[in-house]
Amino acid sequence: MIDRSFPLDKLTTGQMALVHRISGPPDEVRRLEEFGIRSGTRVEMFRRGNPCILRTGGNKVCLRTNEVLRVMVERLL
């Protein structure tokens, strides 16, 4: 099986992806899950940068780039 996931920050503006996995400190992972960002969630990169803005489930979520937290996604066609 080929792993096609890559870091969230590699998405370009307007690209959509599914969250594949989130790794990092449990409290940071739980915080993202509270915002609705978890494995299987569809996200769209609204604005790249630091912080980036994601659109998910009709909401926009602002995330800072954090080296201890890795959000891996799979691009949607």
N, C-alpha and C. Protein backbone atom coordinates (compact mmCIF):
# COMPACT_ATOMS: atom_id res chain seq x y z
N MET A 1 0.83 -1.17 0.00
CA MET A 1 0.00 0.00 0.00
C MET A 1 0.89 1.26 0.00
N ILE A 2 0.57 2.21 -0.84
CA ILE A 2 1.34 3.44 -0.96
C ILE A 2 0.69 4.52 -0.11
N ASP A 3 1.50 5.17 0.72
CA ASP A 3 1.01 6.27 1.55
C ASP A 3 1.08 7.54 0.71
N ARG A 4 -0.04 8.13 0.40
CA ARG A 4 -0.10 9.34 -0.43
C ARG A 4 -0.29 10.61 0.39
N SER A 5 -0.08 10.50 1.68
CA SER A 5 -0.29 11.67 2.53
C SER A 5 0.94 12.58 2.53
N PHE A 6 0.69 13.84 2.80
CA PHE A 6 1.74 14.85 2.84
C PHE A 6 1.31 15.93 3.84
N PRO A 7 2.24 16.78 4.27
CA PRO A 7 1.89 17.81 5.27
C PRO A 7 0.87 18.82 4.75
N LEU A 8 -0.02 19.20 5.62
CA LEU A 8 -1.09 20.15 5.30
C LEU A 8 -0.56 21.44 4.68
N ASP A 9 0.59 21.91 5.14
CA ASP A 9 1.10 23.19 4.65
C ASP A 9 1.57 23.14 3.20
N LYS A 10 1.55 21.98 2.58
CA LYS A 10 1.91 21.86 1.16
C LYS A 10 0.71 22.07 0.24
N LEU A 11 -0.50 22.15 0.80
CA LEU A 11 -1.68 22.45 -0.01
C LEU A 11 -1.59 23.87 -0.53
N THR A 12 -2.06 24.08 -1.73
CA THR A 12 -2.13 25.44 -2.27
C THR A 12 -3.54 25.99 -2.03
N THR A 13 -3.68 27.29 -2.12
CA THR A 13 -4.98 27.94 -1.90
C THR A 13 -6.03 27.33 -2.83
N GLY A 14 -7.15 26.94 -2.25
CA GLY A 14 -8.25 26.36 -3.02
C GLY A 14 -8.21 24.85 -3.11
N GLN A 15 -7.09 24.22 -2.79
CA GLN A 15 -7.03 22.76 -2.86
C GLN A 15 -7.79 22.14 -1.71
N MET A 16 -8.41 20.99 -1.99
CA MET A 16 -9.15 20.25 -0.98
C MET A 16 -8.42 18.94 -0.69
N ALA A 17 -8.55 18.49 0.56
CA ALA A 17 -7.89 17.26 0.98
C ALA A 17 -8.67 16.63 2.12
N LEU A 18 -8.36 15.37 2.36
CA LEU A 18 -8.89 14.67 3.53
C LEU A 18 -7.77 14.57 4.55
N VAL A 19 -8.09 14.83 5.80
CA VAL A 19 -7.09 14.66 6.85
C VAL A 19 -6.85 13.17 7.01
N HIS A 20 -5.60 12.78 6.90
CA HIS A 20 -5.22 11.38 7.01
C HIS A 20 -4.88 11.03 8.46
N ARG A 21 -4.02 11.85 9.06
CA ARG A 21 -3.67 11.63 10.46
C ARG A 21 -3.08 12.91 11.05
N ILE A 22 -3.15 13.00 12.36
CA ILE A 22 -2.57 14.12 13.09
C ILE A 22 -1.67 13.52 14.15
N SER A 23 -0.44 13.98 14.21
CA SER A 23 0.46 13.50 15.25
C SER A 23 1.04 14.68 16.00
N GLY A 24 1.31 14.46 17.26
CA GLY A 24 1.87 15.50 18.10
C GLY A 24 1.43 15.29 19.53
N PRO A 25 1.68 16.27 20.38
CA PRO A 25 1.26 16.16 21.79
C PRO A 25 -0.26 15.97 21.87
N PRO A 26 -0.70 15.07 22.74
CA PRO A 26 -2.14 14.79 22.83
C PRO A 26 -3.02 16.01 23.03
N ASP A 27 -2.58 16.99 23.83
CA ASP A 27 -3.42 18.16 24.06
C ASP A 27 -3.56 19.01 22.79
N GLU A 28 -2.52 19.06 21.95
CA GLU A 28 -2.58 19.79 20.68
C GLU A 28 -3.49 19.07 19.68
N VAL A 29 -3.38 17.74 19.63
CA VAL A 29 -4.23 16.95 18.73
C VAL A 29 -5.68 17.10 19.14
N ARG A 30 -5.95 17.03 20.42
CA ARG A 30 -7.32 17.16 20.94
C ARG A 30 -7.90 18.54 20.61
N ARG A 31 -7.07 19.58 20.67
CA ARG A 31 -7.52 20.93 20.35
C ARG A 31 -8.00 21.00 18.90
N LEU A 32 -7.24 20.41 17.97
CA LEU A 32 -7.67 20.39 16.57
C LEU A 32 -8.96 19.61 16.40
N GLU A 33 -9.06 18.49 17.10
CA GLU A 33 -10.29 17.69 17.01
C GLU A 33 -11.49 18.49 17.50
N GLU A 34 -11.30 19.32 18.52
CA GLU A 34 -12.39 20.16 19.01
C GLU A 34 -12.84 21.17 17.96
N PHE A 35 -11.93 21.58 17.08
CA PHE A 35 -12.25 22.48 15.97
C PHE A 35 -12.83 21.73 14.78
N GLY A 36 -12.93 20.39 14.88
CA GLY A 36 -13.48 19.59 13.79
C GLY A 36 -12.46 19.06 12.82
N ILE A 37 -11.19 19.22 13.12
CA ILE A 37 -10.13 18.71 12.24
C ILE A 37 -9.63 17.41 12.82
N ARG A 38 -10.02 16.32 12.16
CA ARG A 38 -9.65 14.96 12.61
C ARG A 38 -9.56 14.06 11.40
N SER A 39 -9.06 12.88 11.59
CA SER A 39 -8.91 11.93 10.50
C SER A 39 -10.23 11.74 9.77
N GLY A 40 -10.19 11.84 8.44
CA GLY A 40 -11.38 11.68 7.61
C GLY A 40 -12.11 12.97 7.30
N THR A 41 -11.70 14.08 7.91
CA THR A 41 -12.34 15.37 7.68
C THR A 41 -11.88 15.98 6.36
N ARG A 42 -12.81 16.53 5.61
CA ARG A 42 -12.48 17.24 4.37
C ARG A 42 -12.14 18.68 4.72
N VAL A 43 -10.98 19.14 4.21
CA VAL A 43 -10.56 20.52 4.45
C VAL A 43 -10.20 21.17 3.12
N GLU A 44 -10.33 22.49 3.09
CA GLU A 44 -9.90 23.28 1.93
C GLU A 44 -8.95 24.36 2.43
N MET A 45 -7.82 24.50 1.74
CA MET A 45 -6.88 25.56 2.10
C MET A 45 -7.47 26.88 1.61
N PHE A 46 -7.85 27.73 2.54
CA PHE A 46 -8.43 29.02 2.19
C PHE A 46 -7.34 30.06 2.00
N ARG A 47 -6.36 30.05 2.93
CA ARG A 47 -5.22 30.94 2.80
C ARG A 47 -3.98 30.26 3.38
N ARG A 48 -2.92 30.23 2.60
CA ARG A 48 -1.66 29.65 3.04
C ARG A 48 -0.91 30.66 3.91
N GLY A 49 0.07 30.16 4.61
CA GLY A 49 0.93 31.04 5.40
C GLY A 49 0.92 30.66 6.86
N ASN A 50 1.43 31.55 7.67
CA ASN A 50 1.47 31.32 9.09
C ASN A 50 0.90 32.55 9.79
N PRO A 51 -0.33 32.50 10.22
CA PRO A 51 -1.20 31.32 10.27
C PRO A 51 -1.89 31.05 8.93
N CYS A 52 -2.28 29.80 8.75
CA CYS A 52 -3.06 29.45 7.57
C CYS A 52 -4.53 29.41 7.97
N ILE A 53 -5.41 29.52 6.98
CA ILE A 53 -6.84 29.44 7.25
C ILE A 53 -7.40 28.28 6.44
N LEU A 54 -8.07 27.37 7.13
CA LEU A 54 -8.72 26.22 6.50
C LEU A 54 -10.22 26.40 6.53
N ARG A 55 -10.88 25.88 5.53
CA ARG A 55 -12.33 25.82 5.53
C ARG A 55 -12.70 24.35 5.74
N THR A 56 -13.55 24.11 6.71
CA THR A 56 -14.00 22.75 6.99
C THR A 56 -15.40 22.80 7.57
N GLY A 57 -16.27 21.98 7.02
CA GLY A 57 -17.63 21.90 7.53
C GLY A 57 -18.36 23.22 7.59
N GLY A 58 -18.11 24.11 6.65
CA GLY A 58 -18.78 25.40 6.62
C GLY A 58 -18.15 26.45 7.53
N ASN A 59 -17.09 26.08 8.23
CA ASN A 59 -16.41 27.01 9.13
C ASN A 59 -15.00 27.29 8.62
N LYS A 60 -14.44 28.38 9.08
CA LYS A 60 -13.04 28.68 8.80
C LYS A 60 -12.27 28.55 10.10
N VAL A 61 -11.12 27.89 10.02
CA VAL A 61 -10.27 27.66 11.18
C VAL A 61 -8.89 28.21 10.87
N CYS A 62 -8.35 28.98 11.78
CA CYS A 62 -7.03 29.58 11.63
C CYS A 62 -6.03 28.73 12.42
N LEU A 63 -4.96 28.28 11.75
CA LEU A 63 -3.94 27.45 12.41
C LEU A 63 -2.57 28.07 12.26
N ARG A 64 -1.81 28.07 13.34
CA ARG A 64 -0.40 28.47 13.27
C ARG A 64 0.42 27.27 12.86
N THR A 65 1.51 27.54 12.14
CA THR A 65 2.45 26.47 11.83
C THR A 65 3.14 26.09 13.12
N ASN A 66 3.14 24.79 13.40
CA ASN A 66 3.68 24.29 14.65
C ASN A 66 4.51 23.06 14.35
N GLU A 67 5.80 23.11 14.65
CA GLU A 67 6.67 22.00 14.31
C GLU A 67 6.39 20.72 15.08
N VAL A 68 5.77 20.81 16.26
CA VAL A 68 5.51 19.60 17.04
C VAL A 68 4.19 18.94 16.64
N LEU A 69 3.41 19.60 15.82
CA LEU A 69 2.11 19.09 15.40
C LEU A 69 2.14 18.85 13.90
N ARG A 70 1.90 17.62 13.48
CA ARG A 70 1.93 17.29 12.06
C ARG A 70 0.53 16.86 11.62
N VAL A 71 -0.05 17.63 10.68
CA VAL A 71 -1.33 17.27 10.08
C VAL A 71 -1.02 16.75 8.69
N MET A 72 -1.27 15.48 8.46
CA MET A 72 -1.01 14.85 7.18
C MET A 72 -2.34 14.70 6.44
N VAL A 73 -2.34 15.05 5.16
CA VAL A 73 -3.57 15.02 4.36
C VAL A 73 -3.34 14.24 3.07
N GLU A 74 -4.44 13.87 2.44
CA GLU A 74 -4.43 13.24 1.11
C GLU A 74 -5.24 14.11 0.18
N ARG A 75 -4.66 14.51 -0.91
CA ARG A 75 -5.30 15.42 -1.86
C ARG A 75 -6.55 14.77 -2.47
N LEU A 76 -7.60 15.58 -2.60
CA LEU A 76 -8.83 15.15 -3.28
C LEU A 76 -8.76 15.64 -4.73
N LEU A 77 -9.25 14.83 -5.63
CA LEU A 77 -9.22 15.22 -7.05
C LEU A 77 -10.35 16.13 -7.41
